[in-house]
Every structure is written in structure tokens, then in C-alpha cells.
Amino acid sequence: FDVLPRKKPTPHGKLTDLGVAAILGVLLTVTFFNGRADAWDGD
């Protein structure tokens, strides 16, 4: 959202940033809602 500047502008930079952010958002959501998987939680 152009709050932080890019070093080199790219044609699809915003789309790439949002795509990667969406993937990270899913990973973070799964981490927070599943709780911390402790090594001792397995069988």
C-alpha cells in the first residue's frame, strides 16, 4: 500500500506483496487458532 517504499519498482510488485502477505496471513491464522504444537503433544 506504498507506506514503505520499494527499492526497485516492479510491474506486479503490489500484487506479489499482497499474495505473499495472504499466504503468511493464513500461516499465522493456523498457528494462532491451532495453538502451539509442542514436541511433547504427539503420541
Full PDB file with SEQRES, HELIX, SHEET, SSBOND, CRYST1, ORIGX, SCALE, CONECT and MASTER records, all heavy atoms in Angstrom:
SEQRES   1 A   43  PHE ASP VAL LEU PRO ARG LYS LYS PRO THR PRO HIS GLY          
SEQRES   2 A   43  LYS LEU THR ASP LEU GLY VAL ALA ALA ILE LEU GLY VAL          
SEQRES   3 A   43  LEU LEU THR VAL THR PHE PHE ASN GLY ARG ALA ASP ALA          
SEQRES   4 A   43  TRP ASP GLY ASP                                              
HELIX    1 AA1 GLY A   13  ASN A   34  1                                  22    
CRYST1    1.000    1.000    1.000  90.00  90.00  90.00 P 1           1          
ORIGX1      1.000000  0.000000  0.000000        0.00000                         
ORIGX2      0.000000  1.000000  0.000000        0.00000                         
ORIGX3      0.000000  0.000000  1.000000        0.00000                         
SCALE1      1.000000  0.000000  0.000000        0.00000                         
SCALE2      0.000000  1.000000  0.000000        0.00000                         
SCALE3      0.000000  0.000000  1.000000        0.00000                         
ATOM      1  N   PHE A   1       0.818  -1.213   0.000  1.00  0.00           N  
ATOM      2  CA  PHE A   1       0.000   0.000   0.000  1.00  0.00           C  
ATOM      3  C   PHE A   1       0.854   1.267   0.000  1.00  0.00           C  
ATOM      4  O   PHE A   1       0.401   2.343   0.386  1.00  0.00           O  
ATOM      5  CB  PHE A   1      -0.980  -0.011   1.176  1.00  0.00           C  
ATOM      6  CG  PHE A   1      -2.055  -1.051   1.009  1.00  0.00           C  
ATOM      7  CD1 PHE A   1      -1.998  -2.244   1.709  1.00  0.00           C  
ATOM      8  CD2 PHE A   1      -3.095  -0.850   0.122  1.00  0.00           C  
ATOM      9  CE1 PHE A   1      -2.966  -3.220   1.544  1.00  0.00           C  
ATOM     10  CE2 PHE A   1      -4.078  -1.804  -0.058  1.00  0.00           C  
ATOM     11  CZ  PHE A   1      -4.016  -3.004   0.650  1.00  0.00           C  
ATOM     12  N   ASP A   2       2.088   1.145  -0.434  1.00  0.00           N  
ATOM     13  CA  ASP A   2       3.030   2.257  -0.627  1.00  0.00           C  
ATOM     14  C   ASP A   2       3.330   3.052   0.643  1.00  0.00           C  
ATOM     15  O   ASP A   2       3.701   4.213   0.570  1.00  0.00           O  
ATOM     16  CB  ASP A   2       2.538   3.210  -1.731  1.00  0.00           C  
ATOM     17  CG  ASP A   2       2.512   2.525  -3.087  1.00  0.00           C  
ATOM     18  OD1 ASP A   2       3.414   1.691  -3.342  1.00  0.00           O  
ATOM     19  OD2 ASP A   2       1.599   2.813  -3.878  1.00  0.00           O  
ATOM     20  N   VAL A   3       3.144   2.447   1.797  1.00  0.00           N  
ATOM     21  CA  VAL A   3       3.548   3.100   3.042  1.00  0.00           C  
ATOM     22  C   VAL A   3       5.061   2.991   3.184  1.00  0.00           C  
ATOM     23  O   VAL A   3       5.726   3.930   3.613  1.00  0.00           O  
ATOM     24  CB  VAL A   3       2.826   2.477   4.261  1.00  0.00           C  
ATOM     25  CG1 VAL A   3       3.323   3.080   5.551  1.00  0.00           C  
ATOM     26  CG2 VAL A   3       1.323   2.649   4.128  1.00  0.00           C  
ATOM     27  N   LEU A   4       5.604   1.856   2.780  1.00  0.00           N  
ATOM     28  CA  LEU A   4       7.051   1.665   2.727  1.00  0.00           C  
ATOM     29  C   LEU A   4       7.477   1.679   1.264  1.00  0.00           C  
ATOM     30  O   LEU A   4       6.868   1.006   0.437  1.00  0.00           O  
ATOM     31  CB  LEU A   4       7.456   0.319   3.351  1.00  0.00           C  
ATOM     32  CG  LEU A   4       7.241   0.169   4.845  1.00  0.00           C  
ATOM     33  CD1 LEU A   4       7.601  -1.250   5.277  1.00  0.00           C  
ATOM     34  CD2 LEU A   4       8.088   1.164   5.606  1.00  0.00           C  
ATOM     35  N   PRO A   5       8.522   2.416   0.946  1.00  0.00           N  
ATOM     36  CA  PRO A   5       8.939   2.490  -0.458  1.00  0.00           C  
ATOM     37  C   PRO A   5       9.659   1.206  -0.916  1.00  0.00           C  
ATOM     38  O   PRO A   5      10.241   0.485  -0.116  1.00  0.00           O  
ATOM     39  CB  PRO A   5       9.902   3.681  -0.474  1.00  0.00           C  
ATOM     40  CG  PRO A   5      10.442   3.733   0.909  1.00  0.00           C  
ATOM     41  CD  PRO A   5       9.339   3.241   1.807  1.00  0.00           C  
ATOM     42  N   ARG A   6       9.597   0.956  -2.214  1.00  0.00           N  
ATOM     43  CA  ARG A   6      10.329  -0.152  -2.828  1.00  0.00           C  
ATOM     44  C   ARG A   6      11.693   0.342  -3.273  1.00  0.00           C  
ATOM     45  O   ARG A   6      11.823   1.476  -3.712  1.00  0.00           O  
ATOM     46  CB  ARG A   6       9.613  -0.657  -4.080  1.00  0.00           C  
ATOM     47  CG  ARG A   6       8.374  -1.368  -3.815  1.00  0.00           C  
ATOM     48  CD  ARG A   6       7.833  -1.879  -5.156  1.00  0.00           C  
ATOM     49  NE  ARG A   6       6.808  -2.833  -4.865  1.00  0.00           N  
ATOM     50  CZ  ARG A   6       7.057  -4.100  -4.554  1.00  0.00           C  
ATOM     51  NH1 ARG A   6       8.261  -4.552  -4.567  1.00  0.00           N  
ATOM     52  NH2 ARG A   6       6.080  -4.903  -4.247  1.00  0.00           N  
ATOM     53  N   LYS A   7      12.666  -0.523  -3.243  1.00  0.00           N  
ATOM     54  CA  LYS A   7      13.990  -0.161  -3.766  1.00  0.00           C  
ATOM     55  C   LYS A   7      13.930  -0.085  -5.280  1.00  0.00           C  
ATOM     56  O   LYS A   7      14.483   0.821  -5.886  1.00  0.00           O  
ATOM     57  CB  LYS A   7      15.037  -1.170  -3.313  1.00  0.00           C  
ATOM     58  CG  LYS A   7      15.335  -1.087  -1.835  1.00  0.00           C  
ATOM     59  CD  LYS A   7      16.427  -2.041  -1.454  1.00  0.00           C  
ATOM     60  CE  LYS A   7      16.664  -1.931   0.048  1.00  0.00           C  
ATOM     61  NZ  LYS A   7      17.702  -2.797   0.502  1.00  0.00           N  
ATOM     62  N   LYS A   8      13.265  -1.080  -5.888  1.00  0.00           N  
ATOM     63  CA  LYS A   8      13.117  -1.104  -7.340  1.00  0.00           C  
ATOM     64  C   LYS A   8      11.653  -1.356  -7.675  1.00  0.00           C  
ATOM     65  O   LYS A   8      11.121  -2.410  -7.325  1.00  0.00           O  
ATOM     66  CB  LYS A   8      13.932  -2.244  -7.940  1.00  0.00           C  
ATOM     67  CG  LYS A   8      15.410  -2.042  -7.959  1.00  0.00           C  
ATOM     68  CD  LYS A   8      16.065  -3.348  -8.365  1.00  0.00           C  
ATOM     69  CE  LYS A   8      16.963  -3.224  -9.534  1.00  0.00           C  
ATOM     70  NZ  LYS A   8      17.584  -4.516  -9.886  1.00  0.00           N  
ATOM     71  N   PRO A   9      11.001  -0.429  -8.317  1.00  0.00           N  
ATOM     72  CA  PRO A   9       9.608  -0.670  -8.694  1.00  0.00           C  
ATOM     73  C   PRO A   9       9.525  -1.820  -9.717  1.00  0.00           C  
ATOM     74  O   PRO A   9      10.357  -1.933 -10.600  1.00  0.00           O  
ATOM     75  CB  PRO A   9       9.176   0.648  -9.340  1.00  0.00           C  
ATOM     76  CG  PRO A   9      10.167   1.656  -8.894  1.00  0.00           C  
ATOM     77  CD  PRO A   9      11.439   0.923  -8.638  1.00  0.00           C  
ATOM     78  N   THR A  10       8.532  -2.676  -9.531  1.00  0.00           N  
ATOM     79  CA  THR A  10       8.304  -3.771 -10.465  1.00  0.00           C  
ATOM     80  C   THR A  10       6.859  -3.708 -10.931  1.00  0.00           C  
ATOM     81  O   THR A  10       5.989  -3.202 -10.208  1.00  0.00           O  
ATOM     82  CB  THR A  10       8.580  -5.142  -9.802  1.00  0.00           C  
ATOM     83  OG1 THR A  10       7.752  -5.273  -8.661  1.00  0.00           O  
ATOM     84  CG2 THR A  10      10.034  -5.282  -9.388  1.00  0.00           C  
ATOM     85  N   PRO A  11       6.564  -4.247 -12.119  1.00  0.00           N  
ATOM     86  CA  PRO A  11       5.212  -4.117 -12.652  1.00  0.00           C  
ATOM     87  C   PRO A  11       4.143  -4.794 -11.807  1.00  0.00           C  
ATOM     88  O   PRO A  11       3.035  -4.297 -11.686  1.00  0.00           O  
ATOM     89  CB  PRO A  11       5.285  -4.761 -14.034  1.00  0.00           C  
ATOM     90  CG  PRO A  11       6.652  -5.289 -14.206  1.00  0.00           C  
ATOM     91  CD  PRO A  11       7.469  -4.883 -13.038  1.00  0.00           C  
ATOM     92  N   HIS A  12       4.432  -5.924 -11.216  1.00  0.00           N  
ATOM     93  CA  HIS A  12       3.423  -6.644 -10.422  1.00  0.00           C  
ATOM     94  C   HIS A  12       3.823  -6.716  -8.950  1.00  0.00           C  
ATOM     95  O   HIS A  12       3.413  -7.624  -8.237  1.00  0.00           O  
ATOM     96  CB  HIS A  12       3.237  -8.058 -10.965  1.00  0.00           C  
ATOM     97  CG  HIS A  12       2.811  -8.097 -12.402  1.00  0.00           C  
ATOM     98  ND1 HIS A  12       1.572  -7.651 -12.804  1.00  0.00           N  
ATOM     99  CD2 HIS A  12       3.467  -8.492 -13.518  1.00  0.00           C  
ATOM    100  CE1 HIS A  12       1.480  -7.786 -14.114  1.00  0.00           C  
ATOM    101  NE2 HIS A  12       2.622  -8.292 -14.577  1.00  0.00           N  
ATOM    102  N   GLY A  13       4.598  -5.771  -8.488  1.00  0.00           N  
ATOM    103  CA  GLY A  13       5.112  -5.786  -7.124  1.00  0.00           C  
ATOM    104  C   GLY A  13       4.038  -5.770  -6.062  1.00  0.00           C  
ATOM    105  O   GLY A  13       4.093  -6.522  -5.088  1.00  0.00           O  
ATOM    106  N   LYS A  14       3.022  -4.922  -6.240  1.00  0.00           N  
ATOM    107  CA  LYS A  14       1.944  -4.831  -5.250  1.00  0.00           C  
ATOM    108  C   LYS A  14       1.172  -6.129  -5.165  1.00  0.00           C  
ATOM    109  O   LYS A  14       0.863  -6.612  -4.079  1.00  0.00           O  
ATOM    110  CB  LYS A  14       0.988  -3.685  -5.586  1.00  0.00           C  
ATOM    111  CG  LYS A  14       1.566  -2.325  -5.359  1.00  0.00           C  
ATOM    112  CD  LYS A  14       0.544  -1.260  -5.657  1.00  0.00           C  
ATOM    113  CE  LYS A  14       1.181   0.110  -5.499  1.00  0.00           C  
ATOM    114  NZ  LYS A  14       0.217   1.176  -5.654  1.00  0.00           N  
ATOM    115  N   LEU A  15       0.887  -6.704  -6.317  1.00  0.00           N  
ATOM    116  CA  LEU A  15       0.154  -7.956  -6.362  1.00  0.00           C  
ATOM    117  C   LEU A  15       0.959  -9.079  -5.710  1.00  0.00           C  
ATOM    118  O   LEU A  15       0.419  -9.876  -4.937  1.00  0.00           O  
ATOM    119  CB  LEU A  15      -0.186  -8.318  -7.810  1.00  0.00           C  
ATOM    120  CG  LEU A  15      -1.095  -9.517  -8.009  1.00  0.00           C  
ATOM    121  CD1 LEU A  15      -2.422  -9.305  -7.299  1.00  0.00           C  
ATOM    122  CD2 LEU A  15      -1.323  -9.754  -9.496  1.00  0.00           C  
ATOM    123  N   THR A  16       2.245  -9.124  -5.982  1.00  0.00           N  
ATOM    124  CA  THR A  16       3.116 -10.135  -5.380  1.00  0.00           C  
ATOM    125  C   THR A  16       3.170  -9.967  -3.866  1.00  0.00           C  
ATOM    126  O   THR A  16       3.055 -10.940  -3.121  1.00  0.00           O  
ATOM    127  CB  THR A  16       4.542 -10.045  -5.965  1.00  0.00           C  
ATOM    128  OG1 THR A  16       4.465 -10.233  -7.378  1.00  0.00           O  
ATOM    129  CG2 THR A  16       5.463 -11.080  -5.363  1.00  0.00           C  
ATOM    130  N   ASP A  17       3.330  -8.718  -3.416  1.00  0.00           N  
ATOM    131  CA  ASP A  17       3.372  -8.448  -1.975  1.00  0.00           C  
ATOM    132  C   ASP A  17       2.081  -8.885  -1.290  1.00  0.00           C  
ATOM    133  O   ASP A  17       2.106  -9.517  -0.232  1.00  0.00           O  
ATOM    134  CB  ASP A  17       3.609  -6.965  -1.699  1.00  0.00           C  
ATOM    135  CG  ASP A  17       5.024  -6.521  -2.009  1.00  0.00           C  
ATOM    136  OD1 ASP A  17       5.904  -7.396  -2.177  1.00  0.00           O  
ATOM    137  OD2 ASP A  17       5.251  -5.300  -2.087  1.00  0.00           O  
ATOM    138  N   LEU A  18       0.947  -8.564  -1.900  1.00  0.00           N  
ATOM    139  CA  LEU A  18      -0.340  -8.952  -1.307  1.00  0.00           C  
ATOM    140  C   LEU A  18      -0.527 -10.463  -1.332  1.00  0.00           C  
ATOM    141  O   LEU A  18      -1.073 -11.036  -0.380  1.00  0.00           O  
ATOM    142  CB  LEU A  18      -1.488  -8.260  -2.027  1.00  0.00           C  
ATOM    143  CG  LEU A  18      -1.627  -6.766  -1.742  1.00  0.00           C  
ATOM    144  CD1 LEU A  18      -2.701  -6.147  -2.632  1.00  0.00           C  
ATOM    145  CD2 LEU A  18      -1.943  -6.526  -0.277  1.00  0.00           C  
ATOM    146  N   GLY A  19      -0.076 -11.120  -2.388  1.00  0.00           N  
ATOM    147  CA  GLY A  19      -0.177 -12.585  -2.467  1.00  0.00           C  
ATOM    148  C   GLY A  19       0.648 -13.268  -1.387  1.00  0.00           C  
ATOM    149  O   GLY A  19       0.165 -14.180  -0.698  1.00  0.00           O  
ATOM    150  N   VAL A  20       1.880 -12.823  -1.214  1.00  0.00           N  
ATOM    151  CA  VAL A  20       2.743 -13.406  -0.184  1.00  0.00           C  
ATOM    152  C   VAL A  20       2.193 -13.070   1.201  1.00  0.00           C  
ATOM    153  O   VAL A  20       2.182 -13.922   2.103  1.00  0.00           O  
ATOM    154  CB  VAL A  20       4.209 -12.925  -0.346  1.00  0.00           C  
ATOM    155  CG1 VAL A  20       5.063 -13.382   0.819  1.00  0.00           C  
ATOM    156  CG2 VAL A  20       4.785 -13.419  -1.668  1.00  0.00           C  
ATOM    157  N   ALA A  21       1.700 -11.855   1.372  1.00  0.00           N  
ATOM    158  CA  ALA A  21       1.106 -11.470   2.664  1.00  0.00           C  
ATOM    159  C   ALA A  21      -0.115 -12.329   2.968  1.00  0.00           C  
ATOM    160  O   ALA A  21      -0.333 -12.725   4.119  1.00  0.00           O  
ATOM    161  CB  ALA A  21       0.734  -9.987   2.662  1.00  0.00           C  
ATOM    162  N   ALA A  22      -0.909 -12.655   1.949  1.00  0.00           N  
ATOM    163  CA  ALA A  22      -2.084 -13.510   2.159  1.00  0.00           C  
ATOM    164  C   ALA A  22      -1.656 -14.902   2.621  1.00  0.00           C  
ATOM    165  O   ALA A  22      -2.257 -15.478   3.538  1.00  0.00           O  
ATOM    166  CB  ALA A  22      -2.905 -13.601   0.879  1.00  0.00           C  
ATOM    167  N   ILE A  23      -0.624 -15.446   2.010  1.00  0.00           N  
ATOM    168  CA  ILE A  23      -0.117 -16.766   2.414  1.00  0.00           C  
ATOM    169  C   ILE A  23       0.385 -16.716   3.853  1.00  0.00           C  
ATOM    170  O   ILE A  23       0.084 -17.595   4.662  1.00  0.00           O  
ATOM    171  CB  ILE A  23       0.990 -17.243   1.450  1.00  0.00           C  
ATOM    172  CG1 ILE A  23       0.377 -17.531   0.076  1.00  0.00           C  
ATOM    173  CG2 ILE A  23       1.711 -18.473   2.002  1.00  0.00           C  
ATOM    174  CD1 ILE A  23       1.397 -17.745  -1.022  1.00  0.00           C  
ATOM    175  N   LEU A  24       1.145 -15.674   4.182  1.00  0.00           N  
ATOM    176  CA  LEU A  24       1.641 -15.526   5.556  1.00  0.00           C  
ATOM    177  C   LEU A  24       0.480 -15.345   6.528  1.00  0.00           C  
ATOM    178  O   LEU A  24       0.519 -15.859   7.651  1.00  0.00           O  
ATOM    179  CB  LEU A  24       2.604 -14.348   5.657  1.00  0.00           C  
ATOM    180  CG  LEU A  24       3.953 -14.519   4.953  1.00  0.00           C  
ATOM    181  CD1 LEU A  24       4.760 -13.230   5.042  1.00  0.00           C  
ATOM    182  CD2 LEU A  24       4.720 -15.676   5.528  1.00  0.00           C  
ATOM    183  N   GLY A  25      -0.542 -14.623   6.104  1.00  0.00           N  
ATOM    184  CA  GLY A  25      -1.720 -14.436   6.954  1.00  0.00           C  
ATOM    185  C   GLY A  25      -2.394 -15.762   7.279  1.00  0.00           C  
ATOM    186  O   GLY A  25      -2.803 -16.009   8.419  1.00  0.00           O  
ATOM    187  N   VAL A  26      -2.492 -16.631   6.284  1.00  0.00           N  
ATOM    188  CA  VAL A  26      -3.079 -17.959   6.508  1.00  0.00           C  
ATOM    189  C   VAL A  26      -2.209 -18.756   7.486  1.00  0.00           C  
ATOM    190  O   VAL A  26      -2.713 -19.380   8.421  1.00  0.00           O  
ATOM    191  CB  VAL A  26      -3.254 -18.719   5.172  1.00  0.00           C  
ATOM    192  CG1 VAL A  26      -3.590 -20.169   5.409  1.00  0.00           C  
ATOM    193  CG2 VAL A  26      -4.317 -18.047   4.318  1.00  0.00           C  
ATOM    194  N   LEU A  27      -0.891 -18.733   7.277  1.00  0.00           N  
ATOM    195  CA  LEU A  27       0.014 -19.456   8.182  1.00  0.00           C  
ATOM    196  C   LEU A  27      -0.099 -18.939   9.615  1.00  0.00           C  
ATOM    197  O   LEU A  27      -0.130 -19.727  10.570  1.00  0.00           O  
ATOM    198  CB  LEU A  27       1.466 -19.337   7.702  1.00  0.00           C  
ATOM    199  CG  LEU A  27       1.815 -20.079   6.425  1.00  0.00           C  
ATOM    200  CD1 LEU A  27       3.233 -19.722   5.977  1.00  0.00           C  
ATOM    201  CD2 LEU A  27       1.682 -21.575   6.628  1.00  0.00           C  
ATOM    202  N   LEU A  28      -0.164 -17.632   9.768  1.00  0.00           N  
ATOM    203  CA  LEU A  28      -0.297 -17.053  11.109  1.00  0.00           C  
ATOM    204  C   LEU A  28      -1.636 -17.425  11.739  1.00  0.00           C  
ATOM    205  O   LEU A  28      -1.699 -17.739  12.929  1.00  0.00           O  
ATOM    206  CB  LEU A  28      -0.139 -15.536  11.055  1.00  0.00           C  
ATOM    207  CG  LEU A  28       1.278 -15.035  10.831  1.00  0.00           C  
ATOM    208  CD1 LEU A  28       1.272 -13.554  10.471  1.00  0.00           C  
ATOM    209  CD2 LEU A  28       2.126 -15.284  12.063  1.00  0.00           C  
ATOM    210  N   THR A  29      -2.696 -17.402  10.944  1.00  0.00           N  
ATOM    211  CA  THR A  29      -4.021 -17.760  11.458  1.00  0.00           C  
ATOM    212  C   THR A  29      -4.037 -19.198  11.941  1.00  0.00           C  
ATOM    213  O   THR A  29      -4.538 -19.504  13.026  1.00  0.00           O  
ATOM    214  CB  THR A  29      -5.093 -17.542  10.373  1.00  0.00           C  
ATOM    215  OG1 THR A  29      -5.055 -16.172   9.973  1.00  0.00           O  
ATOM    216  CG2 THR A  29      -6.472 -17.892  10.880  1.00  0.00           C  
ATOM    217  N   VAL A  30      -3.486 -20.094  11.134  1.00  0.00           N  
ATOM    218  CA  VAL A  30      -3.423 -21.502  11.525  1.00  0.00           C  
ATOM    219  C   VAL A  30      -2.607 -21.663  12.804  1.00  0.00           C  
ATOM    220  O   VAL A  30      -2.991 -22.396  13.718  1.00  0.00           O  
ATOM    221  CB  VAL A  30      -2.834 -22.357  10.380  1.00  0.00           C  
ATOM    222  CG1 VAL A  30      -2.493 -23.755  10.851  1.00  0.00           C  
ATOM    223  CG2 VAL A  30      -3.803 -22.410   9.215  1.00  0.00           C  
ATOM    224  N   THR A  31      -1.496 -20.960  12.901  1.00  0.00           N  
ATOM    225  CA  THR A  31      -0.647 -21.038  14.096  1.00  0.00           C  
ATOM    226  C   THR A  31      -1.408 -20.585  15.338  1.00  0.00           C  
ATOM    227  O   THR A  31      -1.362 -21.249  16.364  1.00  0.00           O  
ATOM    228  CB  THR A  31       0.616 -20.173  13.923  1.00  0.00           C  
ATOM    229  OG1 THR A  31       1.371 -20.669  12.827  1.00  0.00           O  
ATOM    230  CG2 THR A  31       1.476 -20.190  15.171  1.00  0.00           C  
ATOM    231  N   PHE A  32      -2.121 -19.468  15.236  1.00  0.00           N  
ATOM    232  CA  PHE A  32      -2.807 -18.948  16.410  1.00  0.00           C  
ATOM    233  C   PHE A  32      -4.040 -19.758  16.789  1.00  0.00           C  
ATOM    234  O   PHE A  32      -4.311 -19.955  17.958  1.00  0.00           O  
ATOM    235  CB  PHE A  32      -3.183 -17.479  16.215  1.00  0.00           C  
ATOM    236  CG  PHE A  32      -2.010 -16.556  16.274  1.00  0.00           C  
ATOM    237  CD1 PHE A  32      -1.711 -15.727  15.211  1.00  0.00           C  
ATOM    238  CD2 PHE A  32      -1.188 -16.526  17.375  1.00  0.00           C  
ATOM    239  CE1 PHE A  32      -0.616 -14.876  15.258  1.00  0.00           C  
ATOM    240  CE2 PHE A  32      -0.086 -15.687  17.439  1.00  0.00           C  
ATOM    241  CZ  PHE A  32       0.198 -14.859  16.366  1.00  0.00           C  
ATOM    242  N   PHE A  33      -4.790 -20.250  15.816  1.00  0.00           N  
ATOM    243  CA  PHE A  33      -6.013 -20.975  16.141  1.00  0.00           C  
ATOM    244  C   PHE A  33      -5.783 -22.441  16.473  1.00  0.00           C  
ATOM    245  O   PHE A  33      -6.576 -23.047  17.169  1.00  0.00           O  
ATOM    246  CB  PHE A  33      -7.061 -20.825  15.037  1.00  0.00           C  
ATOM    247  CG  PHE A  33      -7.686 -19.473  15.031  1.00  0.00           C  
ATOM    248  CD1 PHE A  33      -7.419 -18.586  14.012  1.00  0.00           C  
ATOM    249  CD2 PHE A  33      -8.510 -19.065  16.059  1.00  0.00           C  
ATOM    250  CE1 PHE A  33      -7.979 -17.323  14.013  1.00  0.00           C  
ATOM    251  CE2 PHE A  33      -9.075 -17.809  16.077  1.00  0.00           C  
ATOM    252  CZ  PHE A  33      -8.811 -16.924  15.047  1.00  0.00           C  
ATOM    253  N   ASN A  34      -4.718 -23.011  15.991  1.00  0.00           N  
ATOM    254  CA  ASN A  34      -4.407 -24.396  16.344  1.00  0.00           C  
ATOM    255  C   ASN A  34      -3.608 -24.471  17.625  1.00  0.00           C  
ATOM    256  O   ASN A  34      -3.382 -25.537  18.152  1.00  0.00           O  
ATOM    257  CB  ASN A  34      -3.616 -25.092  15.229  1.00  0.00           C  
ATOM    258  CG  ASN A  34      -4.499 -25.540  14.112  1.00  0.00           C  
ATOM    259  OD1 ASN A  34      -5.709 -25.621  14.274  1.00  0.00           O  
ATOM    260  ND2 ASN A  34      -3.905 -25.835  12.975  1.00  0.00           N  
ATOM    261  N   GLY A  35      -3.152 -23.356  18.113  1.00  0.00           N  
ATOM    262  CA  GLY A  35      -2.312 -23.360  19.298  1.00  0.00           C  
ATOM    263  C   GLY A  35      -0.911 -23.797  18.920  1.00  0.00           C  
ATOM    264  O   GLY A  35      -0.613 -24.119  17.786  1.00  0.00           O  
ATOM    265  N   ARG A  36      -0.062 -23.792  19.881  1.00  0.00           N  
ATOM    266  CA  ARG A  36       1.317 -24.181  19.662  1.00  0.00           C  
ATOM    267  C   ARG A  36       1.430 -25.685  19.692  1.00  0.00           C  
ATOM    268  O   ARG A  36       1.053 -26.313  20.671  1.00  0.00           O  
ATOM    269  CB  ARG A  36       2.216 -23.599  20.761  1.00  0.00           C  
ATOM    270  CG  ARG A  36       2.144 -22.114  20.821  1.00  0.00           C  
ATOM    271  CD  ARG A  36       3.136 -21.561  19.902  1.00  0.00           C  
ATOM    272  NE  ARG A  36       3.047 -20.125  19.932  1.00  0.00           N  
ATOM    273  CZ  ARG A  36       3.750 -19.374  19.169  1.00  0.00           C  
ATOM    274  NH1 ARG A  36       4.580 -19.888  18.334  1.00  0.00           N  
ATOM    275  NH2 ARG A  36       3.627 -18.083  19.213  1.00  0.00           N  
ATOM    276  N   ALA A  37       1.964 -26.245  18.661  1.00  0.00           N  
ATOM    277  CA  ALA A  37       2.215 -27.684  18.652  1.00  0.00           C  
ATOM    278  C   ALA A  37       3.509 -27.919  19.422  1.00  0.00           C  
ATOM    279  O   ALA A  37       4.558 -27.460  19.033  1.00  0.00           O  
ATOM    280  CB  ALA A  37       2.343 -28.182  17.229  1.00  0.00           C  
ATOM    281  N   ASP A  38       3.379 -28.551  20.542  1.00  0.00           N  
ATOM    282  CA  ASP A  38       4.533 -28.849  21.378  1.00  0.00           C  
ATOM    283  C   ASP A  38       5.087 -30.197  20.957  1.00  0.00           C  
ATOM    284  O   ASP A  38       4.354 -31.107  20.598  1.00  0.00           O  
ATOM    285  CB  ASP A  38       4.080 -28.881  22.843  1.00  0.00           C  
ATOM    286  CG  ASP A  38       5.224 -29.019  23.819  1.00  0.00           C  
ATOM    287  OD1 ASP A  38       6.373 -29.219  23.400  1.00  0.00           O  
ATOM    288  OD2 ASP A  38       4.960 -28.926  25.031  1.00  0.00           O  
ATOM    289  N   ALA A  39       6.401 -30.325  21.011  1.00  0.00           N  
ATOM    290  CA  ALA A  39       7.042 -31.586  20.645  1.00  0.00           C  
ATOM    291  C   ALA A  39       6.527 -32.735  21.503  1.00  0.00           C  
ATOM    292  O   ALA A  39       6.548 -33.885  21.085  1.00  0.00           O  
ATOM    293  CB  ALA A  39       8.556 -31.455  20.803  1.00  0.00           C  
ATOM    294  N   TRP A  40       6.032 -32.435  22.679  1.00  0.00           N  
ATOM    295  CA  TRP A  40       5.567 -33.473  23.601  1.00  0.00           C  
ATOM    296  C   TRP A  40       4.083 -33.781  23.430  1.00  0.00           C  
ATOM    297  O   TRP A  40       3.548 -34.637  24.120  1.00  0.00           O  
ATOM    298  CB  TRP A  40       5.885 -33.068  25.033  1.00  0.00           C  
ATOM    299  CG  TRP A  40       7.362 -32.983  25.223  1.00  0.00           C  
ATOM    300  CD1 TRP A  40       8.132 -31.864  25.189  1.00  0.00           C  
ATOM    301  CD2 TRP A  40       8.260 -34.074  25.404  1.00  0.00           C  
ATOM    302  NE1 TRP A  40       9.450 -32.192  25.338  1.00  0.00           N  
ATOM    303  CE2 TRP A  40       9.556 -33.545  25.485  1.00  0.00           C  
ATOM    304  CE3 TRP A  40       8.091 -35.446  25.513  1.00  0.00           C  
ATOM    305  CZ2 TRP A  40      10.674 -34.343  25.661  1.00  0.00           C  
ATOM    306  CZ3 TRP A  40       9.213 -36.241  25.701  1.00  0.00           C  
ATOM    307  CH2 TRP A  40      10.485 -35.691  25.769  1.00  0.00           C  
ATOM    308  N   ASP A  41       3.386 -33.106  22.504  1.00  0.00           N  
ATOM    309  CA  ASP A  41       1.962 -33.335  22.296  1.00  0.00           C  
ATOM    310  C   ASP A  41       1.663 -34.553  21.430  1.00  0.00           C  
ATOM    311  O   ASP A  41       0.549 -35.038  21.428  1.00  0.00           O  
ATOM    312  CB  ASP A  41       1.300 -32.105  21.659  1.00  0.00           C  
ATOM    313  CG  ASP A  41       1.094 -30.983  22.658  1.00  0.00           C  
ATOM    314  OD1 ASP A  41       1.174 -31.240  23.871  1.00  0.00           O  
ATOM    315  OD2 ASP A  41       0.868 -29.850  22.216  1.00  0.00           O  
ATOM    316  N   GLY A  42       2.639 -35.040  20.685  1.00  0.00           N  
ATOM    317  CA  GLY A  42       2.427 -36.207  19.840  1.00  0.00           C  
ATOM    318  C   GLY A  42       2.364 -37.480  20.667  1.00  0.00           C  
ATOM    319  O   GLY A  42       2.683 -37.496  21.859  1.00  0.00           O  
ATOM    320  N   ASP A  43       1.930 -38.561  20.030  1.00  0.00           N  
ATOM    321  CA  ASP A  43       1.813 -39.849  20.726  1.00  0.00           C  
ATOM    322  C   ASP A  43       3.136 -40.271  21.354  1.00  0.00           C  
ATOM    323  O   ASP A  43       3.178 -40.693  22.510  1.00  0.00           O  
ATOM    324  CB  ASP A  43       1.330 -40.941  19.773  1.00  0.00           C  
ATOM    325  CG  ASP A  43      -0.138 -40.784  19.414  1.00  0.00           C  
ATOM    326  OD1 ASP A  43      -0.870 -40.139  20.188  1.00  0.00           O  
ATOM    327  OD2 ASP A  43      -0.541 -41.309  18.363  1.00  0.00           O  
TER     328      ASP A  43                                                      
MASTER        0    0    0    1    0    0    0    6  327    1    0    4          
END                                                                             
